Amino acid sequence: MRRQYSGNAQGVINGIGVVTCVYVNPQQDRFWLIDYRIYDPQGDGKTKLDHLKDMLSGLVYQKDLPFTGVLMDSWYATKTVMRHIEQMQKTYYCPLKTNRRVDDSAGTIPYQRVDSLTWTKAERKQGKSIKIRGFPKDHKVKLFRVASSDRRTAYVVTNDHAQNDSSVVQQVCHQRWKIEQFHREVKQVTGLEKCQCRLARIVRNHIGCAMLVWIRLEQVAYQTGQTIYQVKYRGLADFLRQQLKAPHIPMVIA
């Protein structure tokens, strides 16, 4: 556990130092955990951005996993990460923080906050081409203004310049919440946050075992048509019923 910023909570909270990567199949409405990294800057000197780039490179150059796009939150919407994805010839969709400085005037006016841009009716539907401050002079991305799941306005950029439908962008970005679903499930059904150990190796083993438990529960849930919570708690109930039927079982009530 470490104190870290949470975009969902809009503040600093106690969180697990793990950077995760999930694979989403929109047609099947399923997702799989494919990689994760322990965030331990004191141990290996790597930032979360370094871990993200390592995982993406591994998917492309080692695992050869077929995928077309990368979805990430505003924390990872940096020049380093976005250029890294472009070098791998993949597309990305990611929201920008509202105070990010951009230019939609081709250099005729100074950079301004992304939430202060003016939008025509056509741009609201088709997006607009912008330059993000700090990027090369000729580097443009497509910006869309969409409604996020929490009813706030999100400003989403993509290097897919052929994209011209804000409703499609909204649907694509909605898939990003699969990773939030994974985080919620892995915490609630595996006890990922409840390890009382302090030795680094034991903590790493605990996290690894929790990930394996989630993978197995998700697999059984899909095969049986249940939720991951039904698999866990119905399985526990069945185990307790079997134990209660056995003779001479000592019981402790607390």
C-alpha atoms as a PDB file:
ATOM      1  CA  MET A   1       0.000   0.000   0.000  1.00  0.00           C
ATOM      2  CA  ARG A   2       1.184   3.526  -0.762  1.00  0.00           C
ATOM      3  CA  ARG A   3      -0.196   7.036  -0.803  1.00  0.00           C
ATOM      4  CA  GLN A   4      -0.952   7.919  -4.423  1.00  0.00           C
ATOM      5  CA  TYR A   5      -3.235  10.100  -6.507  1.00  0.00           C
ATOM      6  CA  SER A   6      -6.530   8.622  -7.719  1.00  0.00           C
ATOM      7  CA  GLY A   7      -8.311  10.124 -10.701  1.00  0.00           C
ATOM      8  CA  ASN A   8     -11.598   8.544  -9.625  1.00  0.00           C
ATOM      9  CA  ALA A   9     -11.355   9.858  -6.079  1.00  0.00           C
ATOM     10  CA  GLN A  10      -9.863  13.174  -7.263  1.00  0.00           C
ATOM     11  CA  GLY A  11      -7.329  13.070  -4.446  1.00  0.00           C
ATOM     12  CA  VAL A  12      -4.527  11.179  -2.706  1.00  0.00           C
ATOM     13  CA  ILE A  13      -5.581   7.840  -1.241  1.00  0.00           C
ATOM     14  CA  ASN A  14      -4.050   4.603   0.012  1.00  0.00           C
ATOM     15  CA  GLY A  15      -3.635   2.434  -3.070  1.00  0.00           C
ATOM     16  CA  ILE A  16      -1.903  -0.675  -4.344  1.00  0.00           C
ATOM     17  CA  GLY A  17       1.344   0.019  -6.183  1.00  0.00           C
ATOM     18  CA  VAL A  18       0.452  -2.063  -9.239  1.00  0.00           C
ATOM     19  CA  VAL A  19       0.287  -0.995 -12.891  1.00  0.00           C
ATOM     20  CA  THR A  20      -2.040  -3.313 -14.834  1.00  0.00           C
ATOM     21  CA  CYS A  21      -2.727  -4.012 -18.484  1.00  0.00           C
ATOM     22  CA  VAL A  22      -5.891  -5.754 -19.664  1.00  0.00           C
ATOM     23  CA  TYR A  23      -6.906  -6.984 -23.115  1.00  0.00           C
ATOM     24  CA  VAL A  24     -10.453  -6.065 -24.169  1.00  0.00           C
ATOM     25  CA  ASN A  25     -12.566  -7.749 -26.839  1.00  0.00           C
ATOM     26  CA  PRO A  26     -15.536  -5.413 -27.479  1.00  0.00           C
ATOM     27  CA  GLN A  27     -17.372  -7.963 -29.653  1.00  0.00           C
ATOM     28  CA  GLN A  28     -17.428 -10.543 -26.846  1.00  0.00           C
ATOM     29  CA  ASP A  29     -17.659  -7.910 -24.102  1.00  0.00           C
ATOM     30  CA  ARG A  30     -14.850  -9.690 -22.258  1.00  0.00           C
ATOM     31  CA  PHE A  31     -11.473  -8.706 -20.911  1.00  0.00           C
ATOM     32  CA  TRP A  32      -8.375 -10.549 -19.690  1.00  0.00           C
ATOM     33  CA  LEU A  33      -5.468  -9.596 -17.466  1.00  0.00           C
ATOM     34  CA  ILE A  34      -2.362  -9.936 -19.625  1.00  0.00           C
ATOM     35  CA  ASP A  35       0.351  -8.141 -17.655  1.00  0.00           C
ATOM     36  CA  TYR A  36       1.062  -6.182 -14.513  1.00  0.00           C
ATOM     37  CA  ARG A  37       4.012  -4.489 -12.843  1.00  0.00           C
ATOM     38  CA  ILE A  38       4.782  -3.718  -9.198  1.00  0.00           C
ATOM     39  CA  TYR A  39       5.270   0.017  -8.783  1.00  0.00           C
ATOM     40  CA  ASP A  40       8.360   0.239  -6.585  1.00  0.00           C
ATOM     41  CA  PRO A  41      10.424   3.295  -7.558  1.00  0.00           C
ATOM     42  CA  GLN A  42      12.698   2.886  -4.550  1.00  0.00           C
ATOM     43  CA  GLY A  43      13.512  -0.662  -5.661  1.00  0.00           C
ATOM     44  CA  ASP A  44      13.932  -0.395  -9.434  1.00  0.00           C
ATOM     45  CA  GLY A  45      13.848   3.340 -10.128  1.00  0.00           C
ATOM     46  CA  LYS A  46      11.029   3.002 -12.669  1.00  0.00           C
ATOM     47  CA  THR A  47       8.056   5.304 -12.970  1.00  0.00           C
ATOM     48  CA  LYS A  48       4.548   4.200 -13.898  1.00  0.00           C
ATOM     49  CA  LEU A  49       5.218   5.524 -17.398  1.00  0.00           C
ATOM     50  CA  ASP A  50       8.284   3.279 -17.665  1.00  0.00           C
ATOM     51  CA  HIS A  51       6.218   0.262 -16.623  1.00  0.00           C
ATOM     52  CA  LEU A  52       3.524   1.085 -19.166  1.00  0.00           C
ATOM     53  CA  LYS A  53       6.043   1.365 -21.999  1.00  0.00           C
ATOM     54  CA  ASP A  54       7.702  -1.901 -20.933  1.00  0.00           C
ATOM     55  CA  MET A  55       4.369  -3.734 -20.984  1.00  0.00           C
ATOM     56  CA  LEU A  56       3.357  -2.341 -24.374  1.00  0.00           C
ATOM     57  CA  SER A  57       6.737  -3.205 -25.878  1.00  0.00           C
ATOM     58  CA  GLY A  58       6.442  -6.714 -24.478  1.00  0.00           C
ATOM     59  CA  LEU A  59       3.004  -7.178 -26.037  1.00  0.00           C
ATOM     60  CA  VAL A  60       4.265  -6.095 -29.457  1.00  0.00           C
ATOM     61  CA  TYR A  61       7.813  -7.444 -29.645  1.00  0.00           C
ATOM     62  CA  GLN A  62       7.796 -10.480 -27.332  1.00  0.00           C
ATOM     63  CA  LYS A  63       4.229 -11.768 -27.021  1.00  0.00           C
ATOM     64  CA  ASP A  64       3.199 -10.643 -30.526  1.00  0.00           C
ATOM     65  CA  LEU A  65      -0.338 -10.039 -29.263  1.00  0.00           C
ATOM     66  CA  PRO A  66      -2.699  -8.733 -31.969  1.00  0.00           C
ATOM     67  CA  PHE A  67      -4.322  -5.455 -30.968  1.00  0.00           C
ATOM     68  CA  THR A  68      -5.054  -2.186 -32.716  1.00  0.00           C
ATOM     69  CA  GLY A  69      -5.420   0.479 -30.051  1.00  0.00           C
ATOM     70  CA  VAL A  70      -4.422   1.526 -26.558  1.00  0.00           C
ATOM     71  CA  LEU A  71      -6.831   3.092 -24.061  1.00  0.00           C
ATOM     72  CA  MET A  72      -5.373   4.903 -21.061  1.00  0.00           C
ATOM     73  CA  ASP A  73      -6.278   7.615 -18.593  1.00  0.00           C
ATOM     74  CA  SER A  74      -4.996  11.178 -18.482  1.00  0.00           C
ATOM     75  CA  TRP A  75      -2.113  10.233 -16.157  1.00  0.00           C
ATOM     76  CA  TYR A  76      -0.418   8.447 -19.072  1.00  0.00           C
ATOM     77  CA  ALA A  77      -1.265  11.039 -21.755  1.00  0.00           C
ATOM     78  CA  THR A  78       2.319  12.273 -22.013  1.00  0.00           C
ATOM     79  CA  LYS A  79       4.447  12.971 -25.054  1.00  0.00           C
ATOM     80  CA  THR A  80       6.761  10.071 -24.186  1.00  0.00           C
ATOM     81  CA  VAL A  81       3.978   7.487 -23.988  1.00  0.00           C
ATOM     82  CA  MET A  82       1.990   8.773 -26.948  1.00  0.00           C
ATOM     83  CA  ARG A  83       5.041   8.884 -29.202  1.00  0.00           C
ATOM     84  CA  HIS A  84       6.009   5.400 -28.027  1.00  0.00           C
ATOM     85  CA  ILE A  85       2.615   4.055 -29.094  1.00  0.00           C
ATOM     86  CA  GLU A  86       2.896   5.799 -32.447  1.00  0.00           C
ATOM     87  CA  GLN A  87       6.311   4.224 -33.039  1.00  0.00           C
ATOM     88  CA  MET A  88       4.683   0.824 -32.578  1.00  0.00           C
ATOM     89  CA  GLN A  89       2.152   1.840 -35.249  1.00  0.00           C
ATOM     90  CA  LYS A  90      -0.798   1.580 -32.864  1.00  0.00           C
ATOM     91  CA  THR A  91      -3.579   4.042 -32.232  1.00  0.00           C
ATOM     92  CA  TYR A  92      -4.465   5.528 -28.871  1.00  0.00           C
ATOM     93  CA  TYR A  93      -7.460   7.188 -27.257  1.00  0.00           C
ATOM     94  CA  CYS A  94      -6.852   9.047 -24.035  1.00  0.00           C
ATOM     95  CA  PRO A  95      -8.442  11.955 -22.155  1.00  0.00           C
ATOM     96  CA  LEU A  96      -6.502  15.142 -21.472  1.00  0.00           C
ATOM     97  CA  LYS A  97      -6.604  17.004 -18.188  1.00  0.00           C
ATOM     98  CA  THR A  98      -8.670  20.157 -18.503  1.00  0.00           C
ATOM     99  CA  ASN A  99      -5.668  22.417 -17.884  1.00  0.00           C
ATOM    100  CA  ARG A 100      -3.613  20.893 -20.712  1.00  0.00           C
ATOM    101  CA  ARG A 101      -2.397  23.573 -23.115  1.00  0.00           C
ATOM    102  CA  VAL A 102      -3.308  23.070 -26.772  1.00  0.00           C
ATOM    103  CA  ASP A 103      -3.567  25.025 -30.018  1.00  0.00           C
ATOM    104  CA  ASP A 104      -6.331  24.698 -32.605  1.00  0.00           C
ATOM    105  CA  SER A 105      -5.443  27.879 -34.521  1.00  0.00           C
ATOM    106  CA  ALA A 106      -2.356  26.678 -36.426  1.00  0.00           C
ATOM    107  CA  GLY A 107      -0.166  28.999 -34.381  1.00  0.00           C
ATOM    108  CA  THR A 108      -2.128  32.218 -34.865  1.00  0.00           C
ATOM    109  CA  ILE A 109      -3.021  32.553 -31.171  1.00  0.00           C
ATOM    110  CA  PRO A 110      -1.205  31.402 -27.982  1.00  0.00           C
ATOM    111  CA  TYR A 111      -1.761  28.000 -26.409  1.00  0.00           C
ATOM    112  CA  GLN A 112      -4.842  27.814 -24.215  1.00  0.00           C
ATOM    113  CA  ARG A 113      -6.463  25.376 -21.815  1.00  0.00           C
ATOM    114  CA  VAL A 114      -8.251  22.567 -23.576  1.00  0.00           C
ATOM    115  CA  ASP A 115     -11.471  23.318 -21.691  1.00  0.00           C
ATOM    116  CA  SER A 116     -11.467  26.909 -22.957  1.00  0.00           C
ATOM    117  CA  LEU A 117     -11.575  26.040 -26.669  1.00  0.00           C
ATOM    118  CA  THR A 118     -14.561  27.091 -28.719  1.00  0.00           C
ATOM    119  CA  TRP A 119     -16.419  24.441 -30.691  1.00  0.00           C
ATOM    120  CA  THR A 120     -18.550  24.716 -33.791  1.00  0.00           C
ATOM    121  CA  LYS A 121     -21.478  22.393 -34.300  1.00  0.00           C
ATOM    122  CA  ALA A 122     -19.487  20.401 -36.868  1.00  0.00           C
ATOM    123  CA  GLU A 123     -16.466  20.116 -34.538  1.00  0.00           C
ATOM    124  CA  ARG A 124     -18.625  18.782 -31.718  1.00  0.00           C
ATOM    125  CA  LYS A 125     -19.640  15.937 -33.996  1.00  0.00           C
ATOM    126  CA  GLN A 126     -16.462  15.356 -36.035  1.00  0.00           C
ATOM    127  CA  GLY A 127     -13.684  16.570 -33.724  1.00  0.00           C
ATOM    128  CA  LYS A 128     -10.914  19.041 -34.487  1.00  0.00           C
ATOM    129  CA  SER A 129      -7.196  18.878 -35.249  1.00  0.00           C
ATOM    130  CA  ILE A 130      -4.958  20.352 -32.535  1.00  0.00           C
ATOM    131  CA  LYS A 131      -1.343  20.558 -31.434  1.00  0.00           C
ATOM    132  CA  ILE A 132      -0.476  19.787 -27.826  1.00  0.00           C
ATOM    133  CA  ARG A 133       2.082  22.030 -26.182  1.00  0.00           C
ATOM    134  CA  GLY A 134       5.523  20.393 -26.034  1.00  0.00           C
ATOM    135  CA  PHE A 135       5.010  18.163 -29.075  1.00  0.00           C
ATOM    136  CA  PRO A 136       6.927  18.641 -32.342  1.00  0.00           C
ATOM    137  CA  LYS A 137       5.739  21.524 -34.506  1.00  0.00           C
ATOM    138  CA  ASP A 138       4.113  19.344 -37.163  1.00  0.00           C
ATOM    139  CA  HIS A 139       2.621  16.794 -34.751  1.00  0.00           C
ATOM    140  CA  LYS A 140      -1.175  17.014 -34.721  1.00  0.00           C
ATOM    141  CA  VAL A 141      -3.792  14.873 -33.026  1.00  0.00           C
ATOM    142  CA  LYS A 142      -7.565  14.720 -33.267  1.00  0.00           C
ATOM    143  CA  LEU A 143      -9.476  16.128 -30.292  1.00  0.00           C
ATOM    144  CA  PHE A 144     -13.039  15.194 -29.353  1.00  0.00           C
ATOM    145  CA  ARG A 145     -15.355  16.600 -26.724  1.00  0.00           C
ATOM    146  CA  VAL A 146     -17.455  13.778 -25.271  1.00  0.00           C
ATOM    147  CA  ALA A 147     -19.582  13.104 -22.213  1.00  0.00           C
ATOM    148  CA  SER A 148     -17.836  10.793 -19.749  1.00  0.00           C
ATOM    149  CA  SER A 149     -19.564   8.104 -17.686  1.00  0.00           C
ATOM    150  CA  ASP A 150     -19.753  10.395 -14.644  1.00  0.00           C
ATOM    151  CA  ARG A 151     -21.648  13.040 -16.663  1.00  0.00           C
ATOM    152  CA  ARG A 152     -18.665  15.323 -16.982  1.00  0.00           C
ATOM    153  CA  THR A 153     -17.114  16.580 -20.199  1.00  0.00           C
ATOM    154  CA  ALA A 154     -14.026  14.683 -21.326  1.00  0.00           C
ATOM    155  CA  TYR A 155     -11.539  15.908 -23.897  1.00  0.00           C
ATOM    156  CA  VAL A 156     -10.195  12.871 -25.733  1.00  0.00           C
ATOM    157  CA  VAL A 157      -7.286  12.854 -28.169  1.00  0.00           C
ATOM    158  CA  THR A 158      -6.382  10.198 -30.705  1.00  0.00           C
ATOM    159  CA  ASN A 159      -3.757   9.768 -33.396  1.00  0.00           C
ATOM    160  CA  ASP A 160      -6.431   8.238 -35.632  1.00  0.00           C
ATOM    161  CA  HIS A 161      -6.928  11.228 -37.920  1.00  0.00           C
ATOM    162  CA  ALA A 162      -9.542   9.342 -39.942  1.00  0.00           C
ATOM    163  CA  GLN A 163     -11.856   9.248 -36.949  1.00  0.00           C
ATOM    164  CA  ASN A 164     -14.665  11.786 -37.405  1.00  0.00           C
ATOM    165  CA  ASP A 165     -17.502  10.626 -35.169  1.00  0.00           C
ATOM    166  CA  SER A 166     -17.615  11.707 -31.530  1.00  0.00           C
ATOM    167  CA  SER A 167     -20.208   9.030 -30.692  1.00  0.00           C
ATOM    168  CA  VAL A 168     -17.766   6.316 -31.810  1.00  0.00           C
ATOM    169  CA  VAL A 169     -15.031   7.894 -29.703  1.00  0.00           C
ATOM    170  CA  GLN A 170     -17.355   7.823 -26.703  1.00  0.00           C
ATOM    171  CA  GLN A 171     -18.068   4.120 -27.255  1.00  0.00           C
ATOM    172  CA  VAL A 172     -14.365   3.357 -27.592  1.00  0.00           C
ATOM    173  CA  CYS A 173     -13.487   5.240 -24.413  1.00  0.00           C
ATOM    174  CA  HIS A 174     -16.257   3.438 -22.544  1.00  0.00           C
ATOM    175  CA  GLN A 175     -14.224   0.241 -22.935  1.00  0.00           C
ATOM    176  CA  ARG A 176     -11.509   1.770 -20.762  1.00  0.00           C
ATOM    177  CA  TRP A 177     -13.689   1.236 -17.710  1.00  0.00           C
ATOM    178  CA  LYS A 178     -13.057  -2.497 -18.004  1.00  0.00           C
ATOM    179  CA  ILE A 179      -9.815  -1.923 -16.157  1.00  0.00           C
ATOM    180  CA  GLU A 180     -11.735  -0.207 -13.349  1.00  0.00           C
ATOM    181  CA  GLN A 181     -14.027  -3.235 -13.241  1.00  0.00           C
ATOM    182  CA  PHE A 182     -10.974  -5.456 -12.947  1.00  0.00           C
ATOM    183  CA  HIS A 183      -9.519  -3.359 -10.126  1.00  0.00           C
ATOM    184  CA  ARG A 184     -12.815  -3.510  -8.219  1.00  0.00           C
ATOM    185  CA  GLU A 185     -13.220  -7.257  -8.674  1.00  0.00           C
ATOM    186  CA  VAL A 186      -9.657  -8.225  -7.834  1.00  0.00           C
ATOM    187  CA  LYS A 187      -9.850  -6.221  -4.604  1.00  0.00           C
ATOM    188  CA  GLN A 188     -13.256  -7.535  -3.551  1.00  0.00           C
ATOM    189  CA  VAL A 189     -12.907 -11.240  -4.349  1.00  0.00           C
ATOM    190  CA  THR A 190      -9.209 -11.976  -3.702  1.00  0.00           C
ATOM    191  CA  GLY A 191      -8.270  -9.865  -0.669  1.00  0.00           C
ATOM    192  CA  LEU A 192      -5.535  -8.175  -2.671  1.00  0.00           C
ATOM    193  CA  GLU A 193      -5.335  -5.213  -0.272  1.00  0.00           C
ATOM    194  CA  LYS A 194      -5.453  -7.273   2.919  1.00  0.00           C
ATOM    195  CA  CYS A 195      -1.952  -8.712   3.064  1.00  0.00           C
ATOM    196  CA  GLN A 196      -0.397  -7.868   6.461  1.00  0.00           C
ATOM    197  CA  CYS A 197       3.128  -8.836   5.447  1.00  0.00           C
ATOM    198  CA  ARG A 198       5.905  -6.301   5.010  1.00  0.00           C
ATOM    199  CA  LEU A 199       8.671  -8.288   3.308  1.00  0.00           C
ATOM    200  CA  ALA A 200       8.827  -7.355  -0.376  1.00  0.00           C
ATOM    201  CA  ARG A 201       8.990 -10.949  -1.658  1.00  0.00           C
ATOM    202  CA  ILE A 202       5.960 -12.051   0.358  1.00  0.00           C
ATOM    203  CA  VAL A 203       3.948  -9.041  -0.787  1.00  0.00           C
ATOM    204  CA  ARG A 204       4.857  -9.754  -4.413  1.00  0.00           C
ATOM    205  CA  ASN A 205       3.851 -13.405  -3.978  1.00  0.00           C
ATOM    206  CA  HIS A 206       0.539 -12.318  -2.423  1.00  0.00           C
ATOM    207  CA  ILE A 207      -0.200  -9.995  -5.359  1.00  0.00           C
ATOM    208  CA  GLY A 208       0.729 -12.690  -7.879  1.00  0.00           C
ATOM    209  CA  CYS A 209      -1.516 -15.256  -6.187  1.00  0.00           C
ATOM    210  CA  ALA A 210      -4.400 -12.764  -6.087  1.00  0.00           C
ATOM    211  CA  MET A 211      -4.045 -12.192  -9.833  1.00  0.00           C
ATOM    212  CA  LEU A 212      -4.113 -15.949 -10.486  1.00  0.00           C
ATOM    213  CA  VAL A 213      -7.207 -16.350  -8.300  1.00  0.00           C
ATOM    214  CA  TRP A 214      -9.027 -13.637 -10.242  1.00  0.00           C
ATOM    215  CA  ILE A 215      -8.086 -15.256 -13.564  1.00  0.00           C
ATOM    216  CA  ARG A 216      -9.509 -18.595 -12.438  1.00  0.00           C
ATOM    217  CA  LEU A 217     -12.686 -17.089 -10.985  1.00  0.00           C
ATOM    218  CA  GLU A 218     -13.288 -15.089 -14.158  1.00  0.00           C
ATOM    219  CA  GLN A 219     -12.801 -18.215 -16.269  1.00  0.00           C
ATOM    220  CA  VAL A 220     -15.323 -20.209 -14.222  1.00  0.00           C
ATOM    221  CA  ALA A 221     -17.766 -17.286 -14.239  1.00  0.00           C
ATOM    222  CA  TYR A 222     -17.697 -17.150 -18.039  1.00  0.00           C
ATOM    223  CA  GLN A 223     -18.070 -20.921 -18.407  1.00  0.00           C
ATOM    224  CA  THR A 224     -21.030 -21.104 -16.016  1.00  0.00           C
ATOM    225  CA  GLY A 225     -22.776 -17.869 -17.019  1.00  0.00           C
ATOM    226  CA  GLN A 226     -22.425 -16.327 -13.567  1.00  0.00           C
ATOM    227  CA  THR A 227     -20.798 -13.214 -12.176  1.00  0.00           C
ATOM    228  CA  ILE A 228     -17.434 -13.504 -10.523  1.00  0.00           C
ATOM    229  CA  TYR A 229     -19.106 -12.720  -7.186  1.00  0.00           C
ATOM    230  CA  GLN A 230     -21.616 -15.553  -7.602  1.00  0.00           C
ATOM    231  CA  VAL A 231     -18.798 -17.979  -8.361  1.00  0.00           C
ATOM    232  CA  LYS A 232     -16.917 -17.044  -5.219  1.00  0.00           C
ATOM    233  CA  TYR A 233     -19.721 -16.833  -2.687  1.00  0.00           C
ATOM    234  CA  ARG A 234     -21.846 -19.710  -4.013  1.00  0.00           C
ATOM    235  CA  GLY A 235     -18.728 -21.858  -4.058  1.00  0.00           C
ATOM    236  CA  LEU A 236     -18.003 -20.887  -0.452  1.00  0.00           C
ATOM    237  CA  ALA A 237     -21.603 -21.641   0.544  1.00  0.00           C
ATOM    238  CA  ASP A 238     -21.438 -25.068  -1.125  1.00  0.00           C
ATOM    239  CA  PHE A 239     -18.180 -25.836   0.708  1.00  0.00           C
ATOM    240  CA  LEU A 240     -19.682 -24.893   4.085  1.00  0.00           C
ATOM    241  CA  ARG A 241     -22.784 -27.005   3.440  1.00  0.00           C
ATOM    242  CA  GLN A 242     -20.595 -30.011   2.664  1.00  0.00           C
ATOM    243  CA  GLN A 243     -18.603 -29.449   5.846  1.00  0.00           C
ATOM    244  CA  LEU A 244     -21.734 -29.174   7.985  1.00  0.00           C
ATOM    245  CA  LYS A 245     -22.977 -32.520   6.650  1.00  0.00           C
ATOM    246  CA  ALA A 246     -19.770 -34.261   7.724  1.00  0.00           C
ATOM    247  CA  PRO A 247     -19.850 -35.858  11.218  1.00  0.00           C
ATOM    248  CA  HIS A 248     -17.807 -34.626  14.189  1.00  0.00           C
ATOM    249  CA  ILE A 249     -16.740 -31.326  12.649  1.00  0.00           C
ATOM    250  CA  PRO A 250     -15.652 -28.883  15.375  1.00  0.00           C
ATOM    251  CA  MET A 251     -17.207 -25.442  14.958  1.00  0.00           C
ATOM    252  CA  VAL A 252     -16.095 -22.079  16.257  1.00  0.00           C
ATOM    253  CA  ILE A 253     -18.562 -19.184  16.452  1.00  0.00           C
ATOM    254  CA  ALA A 254     -17.058 -15.726  16.911  1.00  0.00           C
END
